[in-house]
Amino acid sequence: MIVDPGRLEVARVAQHLASGYYAFLVAHLVAVNPMSINSLPPSPVLGTNPTGEIRRKDGTFHTLDLRFYLDLLREDQSLQSHFLRTWAMGALLMLGDELGAHDYFDHAPILELVYHLRNGVAHGNRFNITYSGKRRLARHDAHNRQAAVKSRKRLAAAVVDGCRDRHQSDVHHFRSDGHHFVRANTESRQP
């Protein structure tokens, strides 16, 4: 069996992003633990908080107070929520971009789902299915019914209305039985 090197590379990126999310979650759990303060490196100057450096492309760096930002993360529930969502959103954007570089291969439903979820994330976590997006949904199903890992949650269906010109198009986003799928229905309307 000949394996397409492009597919193999994108599969590796997807696995790396999924594993990275779990590693990020573990780092989050460690950071919000009150004992995590003991994991900070010692300060070079007695009586001051330890500092860290964020290196810039030009070789300079930004210095930050590690204790301050660790305390901020531990105490701010809203920041914790954003902290975890940011990784997931960035991973989805990156995977969508990798798939886009390969024209989404065979447009399998799970890959098409990534396409639409990536666009939703990129546009403020809102689905704004354009005319071309509706045409794409009419050609390619977008769902995760055959995914290897599924949630046990059962959520109600949500409907996003499409444009109401000569064609009536509704795009349906469903989450049910651990599946997420997107479907476009297009039916002709008389003017």
N, C-alpha and C. Protein backbone atom coordinates (compact mmCIF):
# COMPACT_ATOMS: atom_id res chain seq x y z
N MET A 1 0.85 -1.19 0.00
CA MET A 1 0.00 0.00 0.00
C MET A 1 0.88 1.24 0.00
N ILE A 2 0.66 2.11 -0.96
CA ILE A 2 1.42 3.34 -1.07
C ILE A 2 0.73 4.41 -0.22
N VAL A 3 1.50 5.05 0.63
CA VAL A 3 0.97 6.09 1.51
C VAL A 3 1.37 7.45 0.96
N ASP A 4 0.39 8.32 0.80
CA ASP A 4 0.62 9.67 0.33
C ASP A 4 1.40 10.42 1.42
N PRO A 5 2.62 10.92 1.11
CA PRO A 5 3.41 11.61 2.13
C PRO A 5 2.72 12.87 2.68
N GLY A 6 1.91 13.54 1.87
CA GLY A 6 1.17 14.71 2.34
C GLY A 6 0.15 14.33 3.39
N ARG A 7 -0.58 13.24 3.14
CA ARG A 7 -1.56 12.77 4.13
C ARG A 7 -0.87 12.34 5.41
N LEU A 8 0.24 11.66 5.26
CA LEU A 8 0.97 11.20 6.44
C LEU A 8 1.45 12.38 7.27
N GLU A 9 1.96 13.42 6.62
CA GLU A 9 2.43 14.59 7.35
C GLU A 9 1.29 15.32 8.07
N VAL A 10 0.16 15.47 7.40
CA VAL A 10 -0.99 16.13 8.03
C VAL A 10 -1.51 15.28 9.19
N ALA A 11 -1.52 13.96 9.02
CA ALA A 11 -1.95 13.08 10.11
C ALA A 11 -1.02 13.23 11.32
N ARG A 12 0.27 13.35 11.05
CA ARG A 12 1.23 13.56 12.14
C ARG A 12 0.99 14.91 12.84
N VAL A 13 0.72 15.94 12.06
CA VAL A 13 0.42 17.25 12.65
C VAL A 13 -0.83 17.15 13.52
N ALA A 14 -1.89 16.49 13.01
CA ALA A 14 -3.13 16.35 13.77
C ALA A 14 -2.88 15.60 15.08
N GLN A 15 -2.11 14.52 15.03
CA GLN A 15 -1.80 13.75 16.24
C GLN A 15 -0.97 14.60 17.21
N HIS A 16 -0.02 15.33 16.66
CA HIS A 16 0.83 16.19 17.49
C HIS A 16 -0.01 17.28 18.19
N LEU A 17 -0.96 17.86 17.47
CA LEU A 17 -1.82 18.88 18.05
C LEU A 17 -2.73 18.29 19.14
N ALA A 18 -3.26 17.10 18.90
CA ALA A 18 -4.10 16.45 19.91
C ALA A 18 -3.28 16.13 21.16
N SER A 19 -2.10 15.56 20.98
CA SER A 19 -1.22 15.26 22.11
C SER A 19 -0.79 16.55 22.81
N GLY A 20 -0.53 17.57 22.03
CA GLY A 20 -0.15 18.87 22.58
C GLY A 20 -1.25 19.46 23.45
N TYR A 21 -2.50 19.26 23.05
CA TYR A 21 -3.61 19.76 23.86
C TYR A 21 -3.63 19.06 25.21
N TYR A 22 -3.42 17.75 25.21
CA TYR A 22 -3.40 17.01 26.48
C TYR A 22 -2.21 17.46 27.33
N ALA A 23 -1.07 17.67 26.72
CA ALA A 23 0.10 18.16 27.47
C ALA A 23 -0.18 19.55 28.04
N PHE A 24 -0.84 20.38 27.26
CA PHE A 24 -1.20 21.73 27.70
C PHE A 24 -2.16 21.66 28.88
N LEU A 25 -3.11 20.72 28.82
CA LEU A 25 -4.05 20.52 29.92
C LEU A 25 -3.32 20.10 31.19
N VAL A 26 -2.36 19.19 31.07
CA VAL A 26 -1.58 18.76 32.23
C VAL A 26 -0.79 19.95 32.79
N ALA A 27 -0.18 20.74 31.92
CA ALA A 27 0.57 21.91 32.38
C ALA A 27 -0.37 22.88 33.11
N HIS A 28 -1.57 23.01 32.61
CA HIS A 28 -2.56 23.87 33.26
C HIS A 28 -2.90 23.34 34.65
N LEU A 29 -3.14 22.03 34.76
CA LEU A 29 -3.47 21.43 36.07
C LEU A 29 -2.33 21.62 37.07
N VAL A 30 -1.11 21.49 36.59
CA VAL A 30 0.05 21.70 37.47
C VAL A 30 0.13 23.16 37.87
N ALA A 31 -0.05 24.06 36.93
CA ALA A 31 0.09 25.49 37.20
C ALA A 31 -0.95 26.00 38.19
N VAL A 32 -2.18 25.50 38.13
CA VAL A 32 -3.22 26.00 39.03
C VAL A 32 -3.17 25.33 40.41
N ASN A 33 -2.33 24.35 40.58
CA ASN A 33 -2.16 23.70 41.89
C ASN A 33 -1.43 24.67 42.81
N PRO A 34 -1.92 24.88 44.02
CA PRO A 34 -1.25 25.82 44.94
C PRO A 34 0.21 25.47 45.22
N MET A 35 0.58 24.21 45.09
CA MET A 35 1.97 23.81 45.33
C MET A 35 2.90 24.15 44.17
N SER A 36 2.33 24.60 43.05
CA SER A 36 3.15 24.89 41.87
C SER A 36 4.15 26.00 42.12
N ILE A 37 3.90 26.84 43.11
CA ILE A 37 4.83 27.92 43.43
C ILE A 37 6.21 27.37 43.74
N ASN A 38 6.24 26.15 44.28
CA ASN A 38 7.51 25.51 44.62
C ASN A 38 8.28 25.04 43.39
N SER A 39 7.64 25.03 42.23
CA SER A 39 8.29 24.59 41.00
C SER A 39 8.99 25.71 40.25
N LEU A 40 8.78 26.95 40.67
CA LEU A 40 9.43 28.07 40.00
C LEU A 40 10.93 28.04 40.28
N PRO A 41 11.72 28.49 39.33
CA PRO A 41 13.17 28.53 39.58
C PRO A 41 13.48 29.57 40.66
N PRO A 42 14.57 29.39 41.36
CA PRO A 42 14.91 30.38 42.40
C PRO A 42 15.28 31.72 41.78
N SER A 43 15.00 32.77 42.53
CA SER A 43 15.34 34.11 42.08
C SER A 43 16.84 34.33 42.27
N PRO A 44 17.50 34.96 41.31
CA PRO A 44 18.93 35.23 41.47
C PRO A 44 19.22 36.26 42.56
N VAL A 45 18.20 37.07 42.90
CA VAL A 45 18.37 38.10 43.92
C VAL A 45 17.45 37.78 45.09
N LEU A 46 18.01 37.58 46.24
CA LEU A 46 17.25 37.25 47.44
C LEU A 46 16.17 38.31 47.71
N GLY A 47 14.95 37.86 47.99
CA GLY A 47 13.86 38.77 48.31
C GLY A 47 13.08 39.25 47.10
N THR A 48 13.40 38.79 45.90
CA THR A 48 12.65 39.19 44.70
C THR A 48 12.03 37.95 44.07
N ASN A 49 11.03 38.18 43.28
CA ASN A 49 10.38 37.07 42.57
C ASN A 49 11.25 36.60 41.42
N PRO A 50 11.16 35.31 41.10
CA PRO A 50 11.90 34.80 39.94
C PRO A 50 11.34 35.41 38.65
N THR A 51 12.21 35.56 37.68
CA THR A 51 11.79 36.14 36.40
C THR A 51 12.05 35.14 35.28
N GLY A 52 11.34 35.36 34.18
CA GLY A 52 11.53 34.57 32.97
C GLY A 52 11.71 35.51 31.81
N GLU A 53 12.14 34.94 30.70
CA GLU A 53 12.37 35.75 29.50
C GLU A 53 11.62 35.16 28.31
N ILE A 54 11.02 36.05 27.54
CA ILE A 54 10.40 35.66 26.27
C ILE A 54 11.28 36.26 25.19
N ARG A 55 11.96 35.42 24.45
CA ARG A 55 12.88 35.89 23.41
C ARG A 55 12.11 36.35 22.18
N ARG A 56 12.61 37.45 21.61
CA ARG A 56 12.04 37.99 20.37
C ARG A 56 12.88 37.53 19.19
N LYS A 57 12.33 37.68 18.00
CA LYS A 57 13.04 37.27 16.79
C LYS A 57 14.36 38.03 16.62
N ASP A 58 14.41 39.27 17.09
CA ASP A 58 15.62 40.08 16.90
C ASP A 58 16.70 39.79 17.95
N GLY A 59 16.46 38.80 18.82
CA GLY A 59 17.46 38.43 19.83
C GLY A 59 17.27 39.10 21.17
N THR A 60 16.47 40.17 21.23
CA THR A 60 16.19 40.80 22.51
C THR A 60 15.13 39.97 23.22
N PHE A 61 14.79 40.36 24.44
CA PHE A 61 13.79 39.59 25.17
C PHE A 61 12.95 40.49 26.06
N HIS A 62 11.81 39.95 26.41
CA HIS A 62 10.88 40.61 27.33
C HIS A 62 10.99 39.85 28.65
N THR A 63 11.12 40.56 29.74
CA THR A 63 11.24 39.94 31.06
C THR A 63 9.89 39.97 31.76
N LEU A 64 9.55 38.87 32.43
CA LEU A 64 8.30 38.82 33.17
C LEU A 64 8.50 38.23 34.56
N ASP A 65 7.66 38.66 35.46
CA ASP A 65 7.65 38.20 36.85
C ASP A 65 6.89 36.87 36.89
N LEU A 66 7.60 35.75 37.05
CA LEU A 66 6.97 34.44 37.01
C LEU A 66 5.95 34.24 38.12
N ARG A 67 6.24 34.69 39.31
CA ARG A 67 5.32 34.50 40.44
C ARG A 67 4.02 35.26 40.20
N PHE A 68 4.11 36.48 39.71
CA PHE A 68 2.92 37.28 39.45
C PHE A 68 1.99 36.56 38.48
N TYR A 69 2.53 36.08 37.36
CA TYR A 69 1.68 35.47 36.33
C TYR A 69 1.21 34.08 36.72
N LEU A 70 1.98 33.36 37.52
CA LEU A 70 1.50 32.08 38.03
C LEU A 70 0.33 32.31 38.98
N ASP A 71 0.46 33.29 39.89
CA ASP A 71 -0.64 33.62 40.81
C ASP A 71 -1.87 34.08 40.03
N LEU A 72 -1.67 34.88 38.99
CA LEU A 72 -2.78 35.36 38.18
C LEU A 72 -3.54 34.19 37.56
N LEU A 73 -2.82 33.25 36.99
CA LEU A 73 -3.47 32.09 36.38
C LEU A 73 -4.21 31.25 37.43
N ARG A 74 -3.60 31.04 38.57
CA ARG A 74 -4.23 30.22 39.61
C ARG A 74 -5.50 30.86 40.15
N GLU A 75 -5.55 32.18 40.24
CA GLU A 75 -6.65 32.87 40.89
C GLU A 75 -7.76 33.32 39.94
N ASP A 76 -7.49 33.45 38.68
CA ASP A 76 -8.46 34.01 37.73
C ASP A 76 -9.11 32.88 36.90
N GLN A 77 -10.33 32.50 37.28
CA GLN A 77 -11.04 31.42 36.60
C GLN A 77 -11.31 31.75 35.13
N SER A 78 -11.60 33.01 34.84
CA SER A 78 -11.85 33.42 33.47
C SER A 78 -10.59 33.23 32.62
N LEU A 79 -9.45 33.61 33.16
CA LEU A 79 -8.19 33.43 32.44
C LEU A 79 -7.91 31.95 32.21
N GLN A 80 -8.23 31.11 33.18
CA GLN A 80 -8.03 29.66 33.02
C GLN A 80 -8.86 29.13 31.86
N SER A 81 -10.10 29.59 31.75
CA SER A 81 -10.97 29.17 30.66
C SER A 81 -10.39 29.59 29.32
N HIS A 82 -9.95 30.84 29.23
CA HIS A 82 -9.35 31.34 27.99
C HIS A 82 -8.05 30.61 27.67
N PHE A 83 -7.29 30.30 28.69
CA PHE A 83 -6.01 29.62 28.56
C PHE A 83 -6.18 28.30 27.81
N LEU A 84 -7.16 27.50 28.21
CA LEU A 84 -7.38 26.20 27.57
C LEU A 84 -8.01 26.35 26.19
N ARG A 85 -8.96 27.26 26.05
CA ARG A 85 -9.62 27.44 24.75
C ARG A 85 -8.66 27.95 23.69
N THR A 86 -7.70 28.76 24.10
CA THR A 86 -6.75 29.32 23.15
C THR A 86 -5.96 28.22 22.45
N TRP A 87 -5.52 27.22 23.20
CA TRP A 87 -4.78 26.12 22.57
C TRP A 87 -5.68 25.39 21.58
N ALA A 88 -6.89 25.05 21.99
CA ALA A 88 -7.79 24.31 21.12
C ALA A 88 -8.09 25.09 19.84
N MET A 89 -8.34 26.38 19.97
CA MET A 89 -8.64 27.20 18.81
C MET A 89 -7.43 27.31 17.88
N GLY A 90 -6.26 27.52 18.46
CA GLY A 90 -5.05 27.61 17.65
C GLY A 90 -4.76 26.30 16.94
N ALA A 91 -4.99 25.18 17.62
CA ALA A 91 -4.76 23.87 17.01
C ALA A 91 -5.71 23.66 15.83
N LEU A 92 -6.96 24.05 16.00
CA LEU A 92 -7.94 23.90 14.92
C LEU A 92 -7.57 24.77 13.72
N LEU A 93 -7.12 26.00 13.98
CA LEU A 93 -6.67 26.87 12.89
C LEU A 93 -5.48 26.26 12.16
N MET A 94 -4.53 25.75 12.93
CA MET A 94 -3.33 25.18 12.31
C MET A 94 -3.67 23.94 11.48
N LEU A 95 -4.52 23.05 12.03
CA LEU A 95 -4.90 21.85 11.29
C LEU A 95 -5.66 22.23 10.02
N GLY A 96 -6.57 23.19 10.12
CA GLY A 96 -7.30 23.63 8.93
C GLY A 96 -6.37 24.20 7.87
N ASP A 97 -5.37 24.95 8.29
CA ASP A 97 -4.40 25.50 7.34
C ASP A 97 -3.57 24.39 6.68
N GLU A 98 -3.19 23.39 7.46
CA GLU A 98 -2.43 22.25 6.90
C GLU A 98 -3.29 21.50 5.88
N LEU A 99 -4.55 21.26 6.22
CA LEU A 99 -5.44 20.57 5.29
C LEU A 99 -5.69 21.42 4.05
N GLY A 100 -5.84 22.73 4.24
CA GLY A 100 -6.07 23.63 3.12
C GLY A 100 -4.91 23.63 2.13
N ALA A 101 -3.70 23.46 2.64
CA ALA A 101 -2.53 23.39 1.75
C ALA A 101 -2.60 22.16 0.85
N HIS A 102 -3.42 21.18 1.21
CA HIS A 102 -3.59 19.97 0.40
C HIS A 102 -5.00 19.87 -0.16
N ASP A 103 -5.70 21.01 -0.24
CA ASP A 103 -7.07 21.08 -0.75
C ASP A 103 -7.98 20.06 -0.08
N TYR A 104 -7.77 19.83 1.21
CA TYR A 104 -8.59 18.92 2.02
C TYR A 104 -8.67 17.51 1.43
N PHE A 105 -7.61 17.10 0.75
CA PHE A 105 -7.47 15.76 0.19
C PHE A 105 -8.73 15.31 -0.52
N ASP A 106 -9.40 14.26 -0.01
CA ASP A 106 -10.58 13.70 -0.69
C ASP A 106 -11.90 14.28 -0.16
N HIS A 107 -11.82 15.32 0.66
CA HIS A 107 -12.98 15.99 1.23
C HIS A 107 -13.83 15.04 2.07
N ALA A 108 -13.17 14.13 2.77
CA ALA A 108 -13.89 13.23 3.68
C ALA A 108 -14.70 14.07 4.67
N PRO A 109 -15.85 13.56 5.12
CA PRO A 109 -16.71 14.35 6.01
C PRO A 109 -16.00 14.92 7.24
N ILE A 110 -15.11 14.18 7.85
CA ILE A 110 -14.41 14.68 9.04
C ILE A 110 -13.49 15.84 8.66
N LEU A 111 -12.88 15.78 7.48
CA LEU A 111 -12.01 16.87 7.03
C LEU A 111 -12.84 18.10 6.70
N GLU A 112 -14.01 17.90 6.11
CA GLU A 112 -14.90 19.02 5.81
C GLU A 112 -15.42 19.66 7.09
N LEU A 113 -15.64 18.85 8.11
CA LEU A 113 -16.05 19.39 9.40
C LEU A 113 -14.96 20.30 9.95
N VAL A 114 -13.70 19.86 9.84
CA VAL A 114 -12.58 20.70 10.28
C VAL A 114 -12.59 22.02 9.51
N TYR A 115 -12.85 21.96 8.21
CA TYR A 115 -12.91 23.17 7.38
C TYR A 115 -13.91 24.18 7.97
N HIS A 116 -15.12 23.72 8.27
CA HIS A 116 -16.16 24.63 8.75
C HIS A 116 -15.90 25.08 10.19
N LEU A 117 -15.42 24.18 11.03
CA LEU A 117 -15.10 24.56 12.41
C LEU A 117 -13.94 25.55 12.43
N ARG A 118 -12.94 25.32 11.60
CA ARG A 118 -11.78 26.23 11.51
C ARG A 118 -12.25 27.62 11.10
N ASN A 119 -13.13 27.70 10.12
CA ASN A 119 -13.63 29.00 9.68
C ASN A 119 -14.46 29.67 10.77
N GLY A 120 -15.24 28.89 11.50
CA GLY A 120 -16.01 29.44 12.61
C GLY A 120 -15.11 30.03 13.67
N VAL A 121 -14.05 29.32 14.02
CA VAL A 121 -13.08 29.81 15.01
C VAL A 121 -12.39 31.08 14.49
N ALA A 122 -12.02 31.06 13.22
CA ALA A 122 -11.30 32.20 12.64
C ALA A 122 -12.18 33.46 12.54
N HIS A 123 -13.48 33.28 12.62
CA HIS A 123 -14.39 34.42 12.49
C HIS A 123 -15.20 34.63 13.77
N GLY A 124 -14.49 34.64 14.88
CA GLY A 124 -15.10 34.99 16.16
C GLY A 124 -16.02 33.93 16.74
N ASN A 125 -15.74 32.67 16.46
CA ASN A 125 -16.57 31.56 16.96
C ASN A 125 -18.01 31.67 16.48
N ARG A 126 -18.17 32.15 15.27
CA ARG A 126 -19.49 32.27 14.67
C ARG A 126 -19.47 31.61 13.30
N PHE A 127 -20.53 30.88 13.00
CA PHE A 127 -20.69 30.32 11.67
C PHE A 127 -21.39 31.37 10.82
N ASN A 128 -20.73 31.79 9.79
CA ASN A 128 -21.32 32.69 8.82
C ASN A 128 -21.11 32.00 7.47
N ILE A 129 -21.98 31.07 7.17
CA ILE A 129 -21.81 30.27 5.96
C ILE A 129 -22.18 31.14 4.76
N THR A 130 -21.19 31.38 3.92
CA THR A 130 -21.38 32.21 2.73
C THR A 130 -22.00 31.36 1.62
N TYR A 131 -22.28 32.01 0.52
CA TYR A 131 -22.83 31.29 -0.64
C TYR A 131 -21.89 30.18 -1.08
N SER A 132 -20.60 30.48 -1.16
CA SER A 132 -19.65 29.43 -1.58
C SER A 132 -19.55 28.32 -0.54
N GLY A 133 -19.70 28.68 0.75
CA GLY A 133 -19.70 27.66 1.80
C GLY A 133 -20.91 26.75 1.68
N LYS A 134 -22.05 27.32 1.33
CA LYS A 134 -23.26 26.52 1.14
C LYS A 134 -23.10 25.57 -0.05
N ARG A 135 -22.51 26.08 -1.11
CA ARG A 135 -22.26 25.21 -2.27
C ARG A 135 -21.32 24.07 -1.89
N ARG A 136 -20.32 24.39 -1.08
CA ARG A 136 -19.37 23.35 -0.63
C ARG A 136 -20.10 22.30 0.20
N LEU A 137 -20.97 22.74 1.11
CA LEU A 137 -21.73 21.79 1.93
C LEU A 137 -22.67 20.93 1.09
N ALA A 138 -23.19 21.48 0.01
CA ALA A 138 -24.05 20.71 -0.87
C ALA A 138 -23.25 19.60 -1.58
N ARG A 139 -21.97 19.86 -1.83
CA ARG A 139 -21.11 18.88 -2.51
C ARG A 139 -20.45 17.89 -1.55
N HIS A 140 -20.11 18.36 -0.33
CA HIS A 140 -19.34 17.54 0.60
C HIS A 140 -19.98 17.54 1.98
N ASP A 141 -20.36 16.37 2.46
CA ASP A 141 -20.87 16.26 3.83
C ASP A 141 -19.78 16.66 4.81
N ALA A 142 -20.20 17.16 5.97
CA ALA A 142 -19.27 17.56 7.03
C ALA A 142 -19.79 17.02 8.35
N HIS A 143 -19.17 15.95 8.85
CA HIS A 143 -19.61 15.35 10.13
C HIS A 143 -18.48 14.50 10.71
N ASN A 144 -18.72 14.05 11.94
CA ASN A 144 -17.73 13.20 12.59
C ASN A 144 -18.33 11.85 12.99
N ARG A 145 -19.32 11.39 12.27
CA ARG A 145 -19.97 10.12 12.60
C ARG A 145 -19.01 8.94 12.60
N GLN A 146 -17.94 9.00 11.82
CA GLN A 146 -17.00 7.88 11.76
C GLN A 146 -15.72 8.18 12.52
N ALA A 147 -15.74 9.19 13.39
CA ALA A 147 -14.55 9.54 14.16
C ALA A 147 -14.21 8.43 15.16
N ALA A 148 -12.93 8.28 15.43
CA ALA A 148 -12.47 7.25 16.36
C ALA A 148 -12.83 7.58 17.80
N VAL A 149 -12.89 8.87 18.14
CA VAL A 149 -13.19 9.30 19.51
C VAL A 149 -14.42 10.18 19.47
N LYS A 150 -15.39 9.86 20.33
CA LYS A 150 -16.64 10.63 20.35
C LYS A 150 -17.01 10.98 21.79
N SER A 151 -17.68 12.09 21.92
CA SER A 151 -18.19 12.53 23.22
C SER A 151 -19.47 11.77 23.53
N ARG A 152 -19.77 11.63 24.79
CA ARG A 152 -21.02 10.98 25.18
C ARG A 152 -22.16 11.98 25.34
N LYS A 153 -21.84 13.26 25.23
CA LYS A 153 -22.86 14.30 25.39
C LYS A 153 -23.84 14.25 24.24
N ARG A 154 -25.09 14.56 24.55
CA ARG A 154 -26.12 14.66 23.51
C ARG A 154 -26.66 16.08 23.55
N LEU A 155 -26.43 16.81 22.50
CA LEU A 155 -26.87 18.21 22.44
C LEU A 155 -27.91 18.37 21.35
N ALA A 156 -28.72 19.37 21.52
CA ALA A 156 -29.79 19.63 20.55
C ALA A 156 -29.22 20.23 19.27
N ALA A 157 -29.98 20.15 18.23
CA ALA A 157 -29.57 20.68 16.93
C ALA A 157 -29.71 22.20 16.91
N ALA A 158 -28.84 22.82 16.15
CA ALA A 158 -28.91 24.27 15.95
C ALA A 158 -29.02 24.52 14.46
N VAL A 159 -29.78 25.49 14.09
CA VAL A 159 -29.98 25.78 12.68
C VAL A 159 -29.53 27.20 12.39
N VAL A 160 -28.76 27.34 11.35
CA VAL A 160 -28.32 28.65 10.89
C VAL A 160 -29.00 28.91 9.55
N ASP A 161 -29.80 29.95 9.48
CA ASP A 161 -30.51 30.24 8.24
C ASP A 161 -29.57 30.84 7.21
N GLY A 162 -29.76 30.43 5.99
CA GLY A 162 -28.97 30.94 4.89
C GLY A 162 -29.65 32.10 4.21
N CYS A 163 -29.12 32.48 3.08
CA CYS A 163 -29.70 33.63 2.37
C CYS A 163 -31.06 33.25 1.80
N ARG A 164 -31.90 34.23 1.58
CA ARG A 164 -33.27 34.00 1.11
C ARG A 164 -33.48 34.69 -0.24
N ASP A 165 -32.72 34.29 -1.22
CA ASP A 165 -32.91 34.88 -2.54
C ASP A 165 -33.66 33.88 -3.41
N ARG A 166 -33.22 33.63 -4.62
CA ARG A 166 -33.91 32.69 -5.50
C ARG A 166 -33.83 31.26 -4.99
N HIS A 167 -32.81 30.97 -4.20
CA HIS A 167 -32.67 29.65 -3.59
C HIS A 167 -32.73 29.81 -2.09
N GLN A 168 -33.44 28.91 -1.46
CA GLN A 168 -33.50 28.93 0.00
C GLN A 168 -32.50 27.90 0.49
N SER A 169 -31.51 28.34 1.26
CA SER A 169 -30.50 27.44 1.78
C SER A 169 -30.44 27.55 3.28
N ASP A 170 -30.57 26.47 3.94
CA ASP A 170 -30.39 26.43 5.38
C ASP A 170 -29.21 25.52 5.68
N VAL A 171 -28.36 25.95 6.56
CA VAL A 171 -27.23 25.15 6.95
C VAL A 171 -27.51 24.68 8.37
N HIS A 172 -27.46 23.40 8.58
CA HIS A 172 -27.78 22.81 9.87
C HIS A 172 -26.51 22.32 10.54
N HIS A 173 -26.31 22.71 11.79
CA HIS A 173 -25.19 22.23 12.60
C HIS A 173 -25.80 21.39 13.70
N PHE A 174 -25.47 20.14 13.74
CA PHE A 174 -26.03 19.24 14.73
C PHE A 174 -24.93 18.70 15.63
N ARG A 175 -25.25 18.54 16.90
CA ARG A 175 -24.42 17.75 17.81
C ARG A 175 -25.38 16.79 18.47
N SER A 176 -25.15 15.54 18.28
CA SER A 176 -26.04 14.54 18.83
C SER A 176 -25.28 13.23 18.95
N ASP A 177 -25.49 12.53 20.02
CA ASP A 177 -24.84 11.23 20.25
C ASP A 177 -23.33 11.30 20.03
N GLY A 178 -22.70 12.40 20.41
CA GLY A 178 -21.27 12.52 20.24
C GLY A 178 -20.83 12.86 18.84
N HIS A 179 -21.76 13.09 17.92
CA HIS A 179 -21.43 13.40 16.53
C HIS A 179 -21.65 14.89 16.30
N HIS A 180 -20.84 15.47 15.46
CA HIS A 180 -21.06 16.85 15.03
C HIS A 180 -21.07 16.80 13.52
N PHE A 181 -22.12 17.35 12.92
CA PHE A 181 -22.12 17.40 11.47
C PHE A 181 -22.81 18.66 10.98
N VAL A 182 -22.49 19.01 9.76
CA VAL A 182 -23.02 20.21 9.12
C VAL A 182 -23.65 19.76 7.82
N ARG A 183 -24.84 20.23 7.52
CA ARG A 183 -25.51 19.83 6.29
C ARG A 183 -26.18 21.05 5.67
N ALA A 184 -26.12 21.16 4.38
CA ALA A 184 -26.81 22.25 3.68
C ALA A 184 -27.97 21.67 2.90
N ASN A 185 -29.12 22.25 3.05
CA ASN A 185 -30.29 21.88 2.25
C ASN A 185 -30.56 23.03 1.29
N THR A 186 -30.64 22.73 0.02
CA THR A 186 -30.92 23.76 -0.97
C THR A 186 -32.14 23.34 -1.75
N GLU A 187 -33.14 24.17 -1.77
CA GLU A 187 -34.34 23.87 -2.55
C GLU A 187 -34.71 25.12 -3.33
N SER A 188 -35.14 24.94 -4.55
CA SER A 188 -35.51 26.09 -5.39
C SER A 188 -36.77 26.73 -4.88
N ARG A 189 -36.81 28.03 -4.97
CA ARG A 189 -38.00 28.80 -4.64
C ARG A 189 -38.41 29.59 -5.86
N GLN A 190 -39.68 29.69 -6.04
CA GLN A 190 -40.17 30.50 -7.17
C GLN A 190 -40.00 31.98 -6.82
N PRO A 191 -39.57 32.81 -7.77
CA PRO A 191 -39.40 34.24 -7.50
C PRO A 191 -40.68 34.92 -7.16
